[in-house]
């Protein structure tokens, strides 16, 4: 079986990428807004780290669980239903219940050094790149 540069079977990665593409297409075009992926996540990198930033308004760290296994980051949690009794909602767009987002990371990370912070409803996960994923400057010698 063919494998990519990280030793992952190409078929598995292809299947995950197809699922992601279909989710993205149908989420924006044909699926009702209530089924959009939650939480919304941005992922970017610099020379030493990957960063994942997720919008989780009204949640605390006790409501969230962050997992890194292999090349996947999982953000799990539970948003509790409002505690108001004897109210009549006219519109309720913020969902409640359990959720999980699984993101395939573009480079290997050092799972032992991952850190997460929560500020103003934004969860930021800092994922230090594994040494083999960091860019290395190659010295050029005269021949």
N, C-alpha and C. Protein backbone atom coordinates (compact mmCIF):
# COMPACT_ATOMS: atom_id res chain seq x y z
N UNK A 1 0.85 -1.18 0.00
CA UNK A 1 0.00 0.00 0.00
C UNK A 1 0.89 1.24 0.00
N UNK A 2 0.54 2.24 -0.79
CA UNK A 2 1.30 3.48 -0.84
C UNK A 2 1.13 4.26 0.46
N UNK A 3 2.20 4.96 0.86
CA UNK A 3 2.13 5.79 2.07
C UNK A 3 2.70 7.16 1.74
N UNK A 4 2.23 8.18 2.45
CA UNK A 4 2.75 9.52 2.24
C UNK A 4 4.03 9.71 3.05
N UNK A 5 4.56 10.93 3.11
CA UNK A 5 5.84 11.17 3.77
C UNK A 5 5.79 10.97 5.27
N UNK A 6 4.60 10.90 5.86
CA UNK A 6 4.48 10.67 7.30
C UNK A 6 4.14 9.23 7.61
N UNK A 7 4.15 8.36 6.61
CA UNK A 7 3.87 6.96 6.83
C UNK A 7 2.39 6.62 6.89
N UNK A 8 1.52 7.60 6.59
CA UNK A 8 0.08 7.33 6.61
C UNK A 8 -0.34 6.73 5.28
N UNK A 9 -1.20 5.73 5.33
CA UNK A 9 -1.68 5.17 4.06
C UNK A 9 -2.40 6.24 3.24
N UNK A 10 -2.06 6.31 1.96
CA UNK A 10 -2.63 7.33 1.07
C UNK A 10 -4.14 7.18 0.95
N UNK A 11 -4.64 5.96 0.97
CA UNK A 11 -6.07 5.73 0.82
C UNK A 11 -6.82 6.35 1.99
N UNK A 12 -6.32 6.15 3.22
CA UNK A 12 -6.97 6.73 4.40
C UNK A 12 -7.00 8.24 4.32
N UNK A 13 -5.87 8.84 3.96
CA UNK A 13 -5.80 10.30 3.88
C UNK A 13 -6.71 10.82 2.76
N UNK A 14 -6.74 10.12 1.63
CA UNK A 14 -7.61 10.50 0.52
C UNK A 14 -9.07 10.47 0.96
N UNK A 15 -9.46 9.42 1.69
CA UNK A 15 -10.84 9.31 2.17
C UNK A 15 -11.21 10.43 3.11
N UNK A 16 -10.30 10.77 4.05
CA UNK A 16 -10.56 11.87 4.98
C UNK A 16 -10.67 13.19 4.23
N UNK A 17 -9.82 13.39 3.23
CA UNK A 17 -9.84 14.64 2.48
C UNK A 17 -11.14 14.75 1.67
N UNK A 18 -11.61 13.64 1.10
CA UNK A 18 -12.88 13.66 0.36
C UNK A 18 -14.04 13.98 1.30
N UNK A 19 -14.04 13.38 2.51
CA UNK A 19 -15.07 13.69 3.50
C UNK A 19 -15.07 15.17 3.83
N UNK A 20 -13.87 15.74 4.03
CA UNK A 20 -13.76 17.16 4.35
C UNK A 20 -14.29 18.02 3.21
N UNK A 21 -13.94 17.69 1.98
CA UNK A 21 -14.40 18.46 0.83
C UNK A 21 -15.92 18.39 0.69
N UNK A 22 -16.48 17.21 0.85
CA UNK A 22 -17.93 17.07 0.75
C UNK A 22 -18.64 17.83 1.87
N UNK A 23 -18.08 17.74 3.09
CA UNK A 23 -18.66 18.52 4.19
C UNK A 23 -18.64 20.00 3.87
N UNK A 24 -17.51 20.48 3.36
CA UNK A 24 -17.38 21.90 3.05
C UNK A 24 -18.38 22.30 1.98
N UNK A 25 -18.49 21.51 0.91
CA UNK A 25 -19.40 21.84 -0.18
C UNK A 25 -20.85 21.84 0.29
N UNK A 26 -21.27 20.74 0.91
CA UNK A 26 -22.67 20.64 1.30
C UNK A 26 -23.01 21.56 2.47
N UNK A 27 -22.05 21.81 3.34
CA UNK A 27 -22.31 22.70 4.47
C UNK A 27 -22.68 24.09 3.98
N UNK A 28 -21.98 24.58 2.96
CA UNK A 28 -22.25 25.92 2.47
C UNK A 28 -23.39 25.99 1.47
N UNK A 29 -23.66 24.90 0.77
CA UNK A 29 -24.60 24.99 -0.34
C UNK A 29 -25.97 24.38 -0.07
N UNK A 30 -26.02 23.26 0.64
CA UNK A 30 -27.28 22.55 0.66
C UNK A 30 -27.79 22.18 2.05
N UNK A 31 -26.98 22.31 3.08
CA UNK A 31 -27.38 21.87 4.40
C UNK A 31 -27.90 23.06 5.20
N UNK A 32 -28.89 22.85 6.00
CA UNK A 32 -29.45 23.92 6.83
C UNK A 32 -28.37 24.47 7.77
N UNK A 33 -28.41 25.76 8.06
CA UNK A 33 -27.38 26.38 8.89
C UNK A 33 -27.19 25.72 10.26
N UNK A 34 -28.20 25.12 10.84
CA UNK A 34 -28.06 24.50 12.16
C UNK A 34 -27.10 23.33 12.15
N UNK A 35 -26.78 22.76 10.98
CA UNK A 35 -25.89 21.61 10.93
C UNK A 35 -24.47 22.00 10.55
N UNK A 36 -24.17 23.27 10.52
CA UNK A 36 -22.80 23.69 10.21
C UNK A 36 -21.85 23.14 11.26
N UNK A 37 -20.60 22.98 10.86
CA UNK A 37 -19.61 22.45 11.78
C UNK A 37 -19.40 23.40 12.94
N UNK A 38 -19.32 22.85 14.13
CA UNK A 38 -19.08 23.65 15.32
C UNK A 38 -17.98 22.97 16.12
N UNK A 39 -17.06 23.72 16.61
CA UNK A 39 -16.90 25.16 16.48
C UNK A 39 -16.18 25.53 15.19
N UNK A 40 -16.38 26.78 14.76
CA UNK A 40 -15.62 27.28 13.62
C UNK A 40 -14.15 27.32 14.02
N UNK A 41 -13.26 26.86 13.12
CA UNK A 41 -11.84 26.73 13.46
C UNK A 41 -10.98 27.33 12.35
N UNK A 42 -9.94 28.06 12.76
CA UNK A 42 -8.87 28.50 11.86
C UNK A 42 -7.61 27.77 12.27
N UNK A 43 -6.81 27.33 11.30
CA UNK A 43 -5.52 26.68 11.57
C UNK A 43 -4.47 27.38 10.73
N UNK A 44 -3.34 27.73 11.37
CA UNK A 44 -2.23 28.36 10.65
C UNK A 44 -0.93 27.94 11.31
N UNK A 45 0.19 28.31 10.71
CA UNK A 45 1.48 27.91 11.26
C UNK A 45 2.52 29.01 11.08
N UNK A 46 3.56 28.92 11.92
CA UNK A 46 4.77 29.71 11.72
C UNK A 46 5.91 28.70 11.69
N UNK A 47 7.14 29.14 11.85
CA UNK A 47 8.27 28.23 11.74
C UNK A 47 8.29 27.12 12.78
N UNK A 48 7.79 27.39 14.00
CA UNK A 48 7.91 26.43 15.08
C UNK A 48 6.61 25.77 15.52
N UNK A 49 5.45 26.39 15.22
CA UNK A 49 4.18 25.90 15.76
C UNK A 49 3.07 25.91 14.74
N UNK A 50 2.08 25.04 15.00
CA UNK A 50 0.77 25.14 14.37
C UNK A 50 -0.14 25.77 15.42
N UNK A 51 -1.15 26.49 14.96
CA UNK A 51 -2.13 27.10 15.86
C UNK A 51 -3.52 26.74 15.35
N UNK A 52 -4.38 26.38 16.28
CA UNK A 52 -5.79 26.16 15.96
C UNK A 52 -6.58 27.09 16.87
N UNK A 53 -7.45 27.87 16.26
CA UNK A 53 -8.25 28.83 16.99
C UNK A 53 -9.72 28.51 16.74
N UNK A 54 -10.47 28.28 17.83
CA UNK A 54 -11.87 27.87 17.70
C UNK A 54 -12.77 28.82 18.47
N UNK A 55 -13.91 29.17 17.88
CA UNK A 55 -14.89 30.02 18.53
C UNK A 55 -15.80 29.15 19.38
N UNK A 56 -15.77 29.40 20.71
CA UNK A 56 -16.60 28.63 21.64
C UNK A 56 -17.25 29.58 22.64
N UNK A 57 -18.13 30.48 22.16
CA UNK A 57 -18.72 31.49 23.04
C UNK A 57 -19.51 30.86 24.20
N UNK A 58 -19.34 31.47 25.37
CA UNK A 58 -20.09 31.05 26.53
C UNK A 58 -19.62 29.76 27.17
N UNK A 59 -18.51 29.20 26.70
CA UNK A 59 -18.02 27.94 27.25
C UNK A 59 -16.80 28.19 28.13
N UNK A 60 -16.58 27.28 29.08
CA UNK A 60 -15.41 27.35 29.94
C UNK A 60 -14.51 26.16 29.62
N UNK A 61 -13.29 26.19 30.16
CA UNK A 61 -12.37 25.07 29.92
C UNK A 61 -12.93 23.77 30.48
N UNK A 62 -13.79 23.84 31.49
CA UNK A 62 -14.40 22.62 32.04
C UNK A 62 -15.37 21.99 31.05
N UNK A 63 -15.84 22.75 30.06
CA UNK A 63 -16.77 22.24 29.06
C UNK A 63 -16.04 21.61 27.87
N UNK A 64 -14.71 21.75 27.82
CA UNK A 64 -13.93 21.37 26.63
C UNK A 64 -12.92 20.28 26.93
N UNK A 65 -12.61 19.50 25.89
CA UNK A 65 -11.56 18.49 25.96
C UNK A 65 -10.75 18.57 24.66
N UNK A 66 -9.44 18.66 24.79
CA UNK A 66 -8.55 18.75 23.63
C UNK A 66 -7.70 17.48 23.59
N UNK A 67 -7.67 16.82 22.43
CA UNK A 67 -6.88 15.59 22.27
C UNK A 67 -6.01 15.70 21.03
N UNK A 68 -4.78 15.20 21.12
CA UNK A 68 -3.91 15.08 19.96
C UNK A 68 -3.46 13.64 19.89
N UNK A 69 -3.83 12.98 18.79
CA UNK A 69 -3.43 11.59 18.56
C UNK A 69 -2.93 11.50 17.13
N UNK A 70 -1.66 11.15 16.98
CA UNK A 70 -1.08 11.06 15.64
C UNK A 70 -1.15 12.40 14.94
N UNK A 71 -1.77 12.43 13.78
CA UNK A 71 -1.86 13.68 13.01
C UNK A 71 -3.23 14.34 13.15
N UNK A 72 -3.96 14.03 14.23
CA UNK A 72 -5.30 14.57 14.39
C UNK A 72 -5.43 15.36 15.70
N UNK A 73 -6.08 16.51 15.59
CA UNK A 73 -6.46 17.32 16.74
C UNK A 73 -7.97 17.17 16.89
N UNK A 74 -8.41 16.84 18.10
CA UNK A 74 -9.83 16.72 18.38
C UNK A 74 -10.21 17.76 19.43
N UNK A 75 -11.25 18.53 19.12
CA UNK A 75 -11.82 19.48 20.07
C UNK A 75 -13.22 18.97 20.38
N UNK A 76 -13.43 18.54 21.63
CA UNK A 76 -14.71 17.99 22.06
C UNK A 76 -15.27 18.87 23.15
N UNK A 77 -16.58 18.85 23.29
CA UNK A 77 -17.16 19.61 24.37
C UNK A 77 -18.66 19.43 24.46
N UNK A 78 -19.21 20.19 25.38
CA UNK A 78 -20.65 20.17 25.58
C UNK A 78 -21.12 21.58 25.89
N UNK A 79 -22.09 22.04 25.12
CA UNK A 79 -22.73 23.32 25.39
C UNK A 79 -24.08 23.01 26.01
N UNK A 80 -24.25 23.45 27.25
CA UNK A 80 -25.49 23.17 27.98
C UNK A 80 -26.64 24.03 27.47
N UNK A 81 -27.82 23.49 27.59
CA UNK A 81 -29.03 24.23 27.20
C UNK A 81 -29.24 25.38 28.18
N UNK A 82 -29.83 26.47 27.73
CA UNK A 82 -30.12 27.59 28.64
C UNK A 82 -30.98 27.12 29.80
N UNK A 83 -30.73 27.69 30.98
CA UNK A 83 -31.43 27.27 32.19
C UNK A 83 -32.76 27.98 32.39
N UNK A 84 -33.11 28.90 31.51
CA UNK A 84 -34.36 29.66 31.69
C UNK A 84 -35.57 28.73 31.61
N UNK A 85 -36.47 28.94 32.54
CA UNK A 85 -37.72 28.19 32.52
C UNK A 85 -38.86 29.15 32.24
N UNK A 86 -39.92 28.63 31.70
CA UNK A 86 -41.12 29.42 31.42
C UNK A 86 -40.82 30.60 30.50
N UNK A 87 -40.04 30.33 29.45
CA UNK A 87 -39.79 31.36 28.45
C UNK A 87 -40.25 30.83 27.11
N UNK A 88 -40.56 31.72 26.19
CA UNK A 88 -40.95 31.34 24.83
C UNK A 88 -39.90 31.91 23.89
N UNK A 89 -39.14 31.03 23.27
CA UNK A 89 -38.13 31.47 22.32
C UNK A 89 -38.80 31.89 21.02
N UNK A 90 -38.37 32.99 20.45
CA UNK A 90 -38.81 33.43 19.12
C UNK A 90 -37.81 33.03 18.06
N UNK A 91 -36.58 32.83 18.49
CA UNK A 91 -35.53 32.39 17.59
C UNK A 91 -34.44 31.76 18.44
N UNK A 92 -33.97 30.58 18.06
CA UNK A 92 -32.90 29.92 18.81
C UNK A 92 -31.93 29.32 17.81
N UNK A 93 -30.84 30.03 17.54
CA UNK A 93 -29.86 29.60 16.56
C UNK A 93 -28.62 28.99 17.18
N UNK A 94 -28.36 29.26 18.45
CA UNK A 94 -27.21 28.68 19.11
C UNK A 94 -27.58 27.30 19.60
N UNK A 95 -26.91 26.30 19.07
CA UNK A 95 -27.20 24.93 19.42
C UNK A 95 -26.68 24.56 20.80
N UNK A 96 -27.13 23.44 21.31
CA UNK A 96 -26.63 22.94 22.59
C UNK A 96 -26.43 21.43 22.44
N UNK A 97 -25.71 20.87 23.38
CA UNK A 97 -25.42 19.45 23.33
C UNK A 97 -23.94 19.20 23.11
N UNK A 98 -23.59 17.95 22.85
CA UNK A 98 -22.20 17.56 22.68
C UNK A 98 -21.76 17.80 21.24
N UNK A 99 -20.47 18.08 21.09
CA UNK A 99 -19.89 18.27 19.76
C UNK A 99 -18.47 17.74 19.76
N UNK A 100 -17.95 17.49 18.56
CA UNK A 100 -16.54 17.08 18.39
C UNK A 100 -16.11 17.49 17.00
N UNK A 101 -14.97 18.15 16.91
CA UNK A 101 -14.34 18.46 15.63
C UNK A 101 -13.02 17.72 15.59
N UNK A 102 -12.77 17.01 14.52
CA UNK A 102 -11.51 16.31 14.33
C UNK A 102 -10.84 16.93 13.12
N UNK A 103 -9.65 17.47 13.34
CA UNK A 103 -8.91 18.14 12.28
C UNK A 103 -7.64 17.36 11.99
N UNK A 104 -7.37 17.11 10.72
CA UNK A 104 -6.12 16.47 10.32
C UNK A 104 -5.05 17.56 10.23
N UNK A 105 -3.98 17.37 10.96
CA UNK A 105 -2.90 18.35 11.00
C UNK A 105 -1.98 18.17 9.80
N UNK A 106 -1.48 19.28 9.24
CA UNK A 106 -0.66 19.19 8.03
C UNK A 106 0.77 18.72 8.28
N UNK A 107 1.25 18.79 9.51
CA UNK A 107 2.60 18.34 9.85
C UNK A 107 2.56 17.63 11.19
N UNK A 108 3.56 16.77 11.47
CA UNK A 108 3.61 16.11 12.78
C UNK A 108 3.87 17.14 13.87
N UNK A 109 3.29 16.91 15.06
CA UNK A 109 3.47 17.82 16.20
C UNK A 109 3.99 17.04 17.40
N UNK A 110 4.55 17.79 18.34
CA UNK A 110 5.01 17.22 19.60
C UNK A 110 3.84 17.26 20.58
N UNK A 111 3.12 16.16 20.70
CA UNK A 111 1.88 16.12 21.49
C UNK A 111 2.13 16.41 22.97
N UNK A 112 3.33 16.14 23.47
CA UNK A 112 3.63 16.37 24.88
C UNK A 112 3.73 17.86 25.23
N UNK A 113 3.88 18.72 24.23
CA UNK A 113 4.06 20.15 24.49
C UNK A 113 2.88 21.00 24.02
N UNK A 114 1.77 20.38 23.65
CA UNK A 114 0.59 21.13 23.20
C UNK A 114 0.00 21.90 24.37
N UNK A 115 -0.39 23.16 24.11
CA UNK A 115 -1.00 24.00 25.13
C UNK A 115 -2.29 24.60 24.59
N UNK A 116 -3.23 24.87 25.49
CA UNK A 116 -4.50 25.47 25.09
C UNK A 116 -4.86 26.59 26.06
N UNK A 117 -5.38 27.69 25.50
CA UNK A 117 -5.86 28.81 26.32
C UNK A 117 -7.26 29.19 25.84
N UNK A 118 -8.04 29.76 26.76
CA UNK A 118 -9.39 30.20 26.43
C UNK A 118 -9.53 31.63 26.92
N UNK A 119 -9.83 32.53 25.98
CA UNK A 119 -10.00 33.94 26.34
C UNK A 119 -11.09 34.54 25.47
N UNK A 120 -12.05 35.20 26.11
CA UNK A 120 -13.13 35.90 25.41
C UNK A 120 -13.86 35.01 24.40
N UNK A 121 -14.08 33.75 24.76
CA UNK A 121 -14.82 32.84 23.90
C UNK A 121 -14.03 32.27 22.74
N UNK A 122 -12.70 32.47 22.74
CA UNK A 122 -11.84 31.94 21.68
C UNK A 122 -10.84 30.97 22.31
N UNK A 123 -10.88 29.72 21.86
CA UNK A 123 -9.95 28.70 22.29
C UNK A 123 -8.76 28.72 21.33
N UNK A 124 -7.55 28.86 21.87
CA UNK A 124 -6.35 28.83 21.05
C UNK A 124 -5.50 27.64 21.48
N UNK A 125 -5.22 26.74 20.54
CA UNK A 125 -4.40 25.57 20.80
C UNK A 125 -3.08 25.78 20.07
N UNK A 126 -1.98 25.74 20.83
CA UNK A 126 -0.64 25.87 20.26
C UNK A 126 -0.03 24.49 20.19
N UNK A 127 0.33 24.08 18.97
CA UNK A 127 0.84 22.74 18.72
C UNK A 127 2.27 22.85 18.20
N UNK A 128 3.28 22.65 19.08
CA UNK A 128 4.67 22.74 18.61
C UNK A 128 4.95 21.67 17.56
N UNK A 129 5.59 22.09 16.48
CA UNK A 129 5.92 21.14 15.42
C UNK A 129 6.98 20.16 15.91
N UNK A 130 6.88 18.92 15.46
CA UNK A 130 7.91 17.93 15.73
C UNK A 130 9.19 18.39 15.02
N UNK A 131 10.33 18.03 15.56
CA UNK A 131 11.61 18.48 14.99
C UNK A 131 11.72 18.16 13.50
N UNK A 132 11.23 16.98 13.09
CA UNK A 132 11.35 16.61 11.67
C UNK A 132 10.47 17.46 10.76
N UNK A 133 9.51 18.19 11.33
CA UNK A 133 8.63 19.02 10.52
C UNK A 133 9.09 20.47 10.43
N UNK A 134 10.07 20.84 11.25
CA UNK A 134 10.56 22.22 11.23
C UNK A 134 11.51 22.43 10.05
N UNK A 135 11.46 23.62 9.44
CA UNK A 135 12.39 23.88 8.35
C UNK A 135 13.82 23.93 8.87
N UNK A 136 14.75 23.42 8.06
CA UNK A 136 16.15 23.44 8.42
C UNK A 136 16.94 24.18 7.36
N UNK A 137 17.79 25.05 7.81
CA UNK A 137 18.66 25.76 6.88
C UNK A 137 19.83 24.87 6.53
N UNK A 138 20.10 24.74 5.26
CA UNK A 138 21.19 23.89 4.78
C UNK A 138 22.36 24.79 4.38
N UNK A 139 23.52 24.53 4.98
CA UNK A 139 24.70 25.30 4.62
C UNK A 139 25.24 24.82 3.27
N UNK A 140 25.66 25.75 2.48
CA UNK A 140 26.21 25.44 1.15
C UNK A 140 27.72 25.56 1.24
N UNK A 141 28.42 24.54 0.79
CA UNK A 141 29.88 24.54 0.80
C UNK A 141 30.41 24.76 -0.60
N UNK A 142 31.58 25.34 -0.67
CA UNK A 142 32.25 25.46 -1.96
C UNK A 142 32.77 24.09 -2.36
N UNK A 143 32.65 23.79 -3.65
CA UNK A 143 33.10 22.49 -4.13
C UNK A 143 34.56 22.50 -4.50
